[in-house]
Each structure stands twice: as structure tokens, then as C-alpha cells.
Amino acid sequence: MCWSATADLAAGTGIAAVGAVSVSLAARRPRDLPLAALPLLLGAHQIIEAAVWHQDG
């Protein structure tokens, strides 16, 4: 995203929440878990990016 630490943190939190819901819904079908977990990875990336922004600025 690269706008600001606040934007990255907000986006990461929202995306991770969607990922958590996706994983919980896909738990009934283990085959779908890898795809459902992708938003969790993106959310973690955004939160890490926010931490990098915070350290640099």
C-alpha cells in the first residue's frame, strides 16, 4: 500500500480479519484452507510493513 504506517496498519488489520473468517469457514473443507489462508498472509505483510514505516519515520 505504501501510503503511511496508519494506512498499512488499518489495511493489515482488516485483511487479517477477513482471512480469519475465511479460515474459520473453510475449516470444514481442509482442501480449501491454503487458499483461505492467503488473506492472513497479506494482512501479516501489511502489519509488518506498518512496523517498518514506523521505524523509519
N, C-alpha and C. Protein backbone atom coordinates (compact mmCIF):
# COMPACT_ATOMS: atom_id res chain seq x y z
N MET A 1 0.83 -1.18 0.00
CA MET A 1 0.00 0.00 0.00
C MET A 1 0.88 1.25 0.00
N CYS A 2 1.79 1.36 0.93
CA CYS A 2 2.82 2.40 0.95
C CYS A 2 2.29 3.83 1.04
N TRP A 3 1.20 4.06 1.75
CA TRP A 3 0.75 5.43 1.97
C TRP A 3 1.28 5.96 3.28
N SER A 4 1.08 5.19 4.33
CA SER A 4 1.55 5.58 5.66
C SER A 4 1.47 4.37 6.57
N ALA A 5 2.09 4.51 7.74
CA ALA A 5 2.03 3.41 8.71
C ALA A 5 0.60 3.17 9.17
N THR A 6 -0.15 4.24 9.34
CA THR A 6 -1.54 4.10 9.79
C THR A 6 -2.38 3.38 8.75
N ALA A 7 -2.22 3.73 7.49
CA ALA A 7 -2.98 3.08 6.43
C ALA A 7 -2.60 1.60 6.32
N ASP A 8 -1.31 1.30 6.43
CA ASP A 8 -0.88 -0.09 6.37
C ASP A 8 -1.42 -0.89 7.55
N LEU A 9 -1.41 -0.29 8.73
CA LEU A 9 -1.92 -0.99 9.91
C LEU A 9 -3.43 -1.24 9.80
N ALA A 10 -4.17 -0.25 9.35
CA ALA A 10 -5.62 -0.41 9.20
C ALA A 10 -5.93 -1.46 8.13
N ALA A 11 -5.24 -1.39 7.01
CA ALA A 11 -5.48 -2.37 5.94
C ALA A 11 -5.08 -3.77 6.39
N GLY A 12 -3.94 -3.88 7.06
CA GLY A 12 -3.49 -5.19 7.53
C GLY A 12 -4.45 -5.81 8.53
N THR A 13 -4.98 -4.99 9.42
CA THR A 13 -5.93 -5.49 10.40
C THR A 13 -7.22 -5.96 9.73
N GLY A 14 -7.72 -5.17 8.81
CA GLY A 14 -8.95 -5.54 8.10
C GLY A 14 -8.78 -6.79 7.26
N ILE A 15 -7.68 -6.86 6.54
CA ILE A 15 -7.43 -8.01 5.68
C ILE A 15 -7.21 -9.27 6.52
N ALA A 16 -6.50 -9.14 7.63
CA ALA A 16 -6.29 -10.30 8.51
C ALA A 16 -7.60 -10.78 9.12
N ALA A 17 -8.50 -9.85 9.42
CA ALA A 17 -9.81 -10.24 9.95
C ALA A 17 -10.60 -11.03 8.91
N VAL A 18 -10.56 -10.57 7.68
CA VAL A 18 -11.22 -11.31 6.59
C VAL A 18 -10.58 -12.69 6.44
N GLY A 19 -9.27 -12.76 6.56
CA GLY A 19 -8.58 -14.04 6.48
C GLY A 19 -8.98 -14.99 7.60
N ALA A 20 -9.13 -14.45 8.81
CA ALA A 20 -9.55 -15.30 9.93
C ALA A 20 -10.95 -15.87 9.71
N VAL A 21 -11.83 -15.04 9.20
CA VAL A 21 -13.19 -15.53 8.89
C VAL A 21 -13.13 -16.57 7.78
N SER A 22 -12.32 -16.33 6.78
CA SER A 22 -12.20 -17.28 5.66
C SER A 22 -11.68 -18.62 6.14
N VAL A 23 -10.67 -18.60 7.00
CA VAL A 23 -10.12 -19.85 7.52
C VAL A 23 -11.14 -20.58 8.37
N SER A 24 -11.88 -19.84 9.18
CA SER A 24 -12.88 -20.50 10.03
C SER A 24 -14.00 -21.12 9.19
N LEU A 25 -14.37 -20.47 8.10
CA LEU A 25 -15.40 -21.03 7.22
C LEU A 25 -14.88 -22.22 6.41
N ALA A 26 -13.62 -22.19 6.07
CA ALA A 26 -13.03 -23.26 5.26
C ALA A 26 -12.57 -24.43 6.11
N ALA A 27 -12.67 -24.34 7.42
CA ALA A 27 -12.19 -25.41 8.30
C ALA A 27 -12.94 -26.72 8.04
N ARG A 28 -14.14 -26.61 7.55
CA ARG A 28 -14.92 -27.83 7.25
C ARG A 28 -14.37 -28.57 6.04
N ARG A 29 -13.69 -27.85 5.17
CA ARG A 29 -13.11 -28.46 3.97
C ARG A 29 -11.61 -28.19 3.97
N PRO A 30 -10.82 -29.08 4.52
CA PRO A 30 -9.37 -28.86 4.65
C PRO A 30 -8.67 -28.55 3.33
N ARG A 31 -9.23 -29.01 2.23
CA ARG A 31 -8.62 -28.75 0.93
C ARG A 31 -8.61 -27.26 0.59
N ASP A 32 -9.55 -26.51 1.14
CA ASP A 32 -9.67 -25.09 0.85
C ASP A 32 -8.84 -24.20 1.77
N LEU A 33 -8.24 -24.78 2.81
CA LEU A 33 -7.51 -23.97 3.79
C LEU A 33 -6.35 -23.17 3.20
N PRO A 34 -5.52 -23.73 2.31
CA PRO A 34 -4.42 -22.91 1.78
C PRO A 34 -4.91 -21.64 1.07
N LEU A 35 -5.96 -21.75 0.30
CA LEU A 35 -6.48 -20.58 -0.39
C LEU A 35 -7.13 -19.60 0.60
N ALA A 36 -7.83 -20.14 1.58
CA ALA A 36 -8.49 -19.29 2.57
C ALA A 36 -7.48 -18.56 3.45
N ALA A 37 -6.28 -19.11 3.59
CA ALA A 37 -5.26 -18.51 4.44
C ALA A 37 -4.50 -17.37 3.76
N LEU A 38 -4.65 -17.20 2.47
CA LEU A 38 -3.91 -16.15 1.77
C LEU A 38 -4.16 -14.73 2.32
N PRO A 39 -5.40 -14.37 2.66
CA PRO A 39 -5.59 -13.04 3.26
C PRO A 39 -4.85 -12.87 4.59
N LEU A 40 -4.67 -13.96 5.34
CA LEU A 40 -3.89 -13.86 6.57
C LEU A 40 -2.44 -13.49 6.27
N LEU A 41 -1.90 -14.07 5.21
CA LEU A 41 -0.52 -13.74 4.83
C LEU A 41 -0.40 -12.29 4.37
N LEU A 42 -1.36 -11.85 3.57
CA LEU A 42 -1.33 -10.46 3.12
C LEU A 42 -1.50 -9.50 4.29
N GLY A 43 -2.40 -9.83 5.22
CA GLY A 43 -2.60 -9.00 6.40
C GLY A 43 -1.33 -8.91 7.23
N ALA A 44 -0.66 -10.04 7.42
CA ALA A 44 0.61 -10.04 8.17
C ALA A 44 1.65 -9.19 7.46
N HIS A 45 1.70 -9.29 6.15
CA HIS A 45 2.65 -8.47 5.38
C HIS A 45 2.38 -6.98 5.59
N GLN A 46 1.12 -6.58 5.54
CA GLN A 46 0.78 -5.18 5.71
C GLN A 46 1.14 -4.68 7.12
N ILE A 47 0.91 -5.52 8.12
CA ILE A 47 1.23 -5.13 9.50
C ILE A 47 2.74 -5.01 9.68
N ILE A 48 3.50 -5.92 9.08
CA ILE A 48 4.96 -5.82 9.13
C ILE A 48 5.42 -4.56 8.41
N GLU A 49 4.80 -4.25 7.29
CA GLU A 49 5.14 -3.03 6.55
C GLU A 49 4.86 -1.79 7.39
N ALA A 50 3.78 -1.82 8.17
CA ALA A 50 3.47 -0.69 9.06
C ALA A 50 4.56 -0.53 10.11
N ALA A 51 5.08 -1.65 10.61
CA ALA A 51 6.16 -1.58 11.60
C ALA A 51 7.43 -0.99 10.98
N VAL A 52 7.70 -1.36 9.74
CA VAL A 52 8.86 -0.79 9.04
C VAL A 52 8.69 0.71 8.84
N TRP A 53 7.49 1.12 8.42
CA TRP A 53 7.20 2.55 8.27
C TRP A 53 7.42 3.28 9.59
N HIS A 54 6.95 2.67 10.67
CA HIS A 54 7.03 3.32 11.99
C HIS A 54 8.50 3.47 12.42
N GLN A 55 9.34 2.49 12.12
CA GLN A 55 10.75 2.58 12.48
C GLN A 55 11.49 3.61 11.66
N ASP A 56 11.13 3.75 10.38
CA ASP A 56 11.83 4.68 9.50
C ASP A 56 11.40 6.13 9.74
N GLY A 57 10.18 6.32 10.18
CA GLY A 57 9.68 7.68 10.27
C GLY A 57 9.58 8.11 11.64
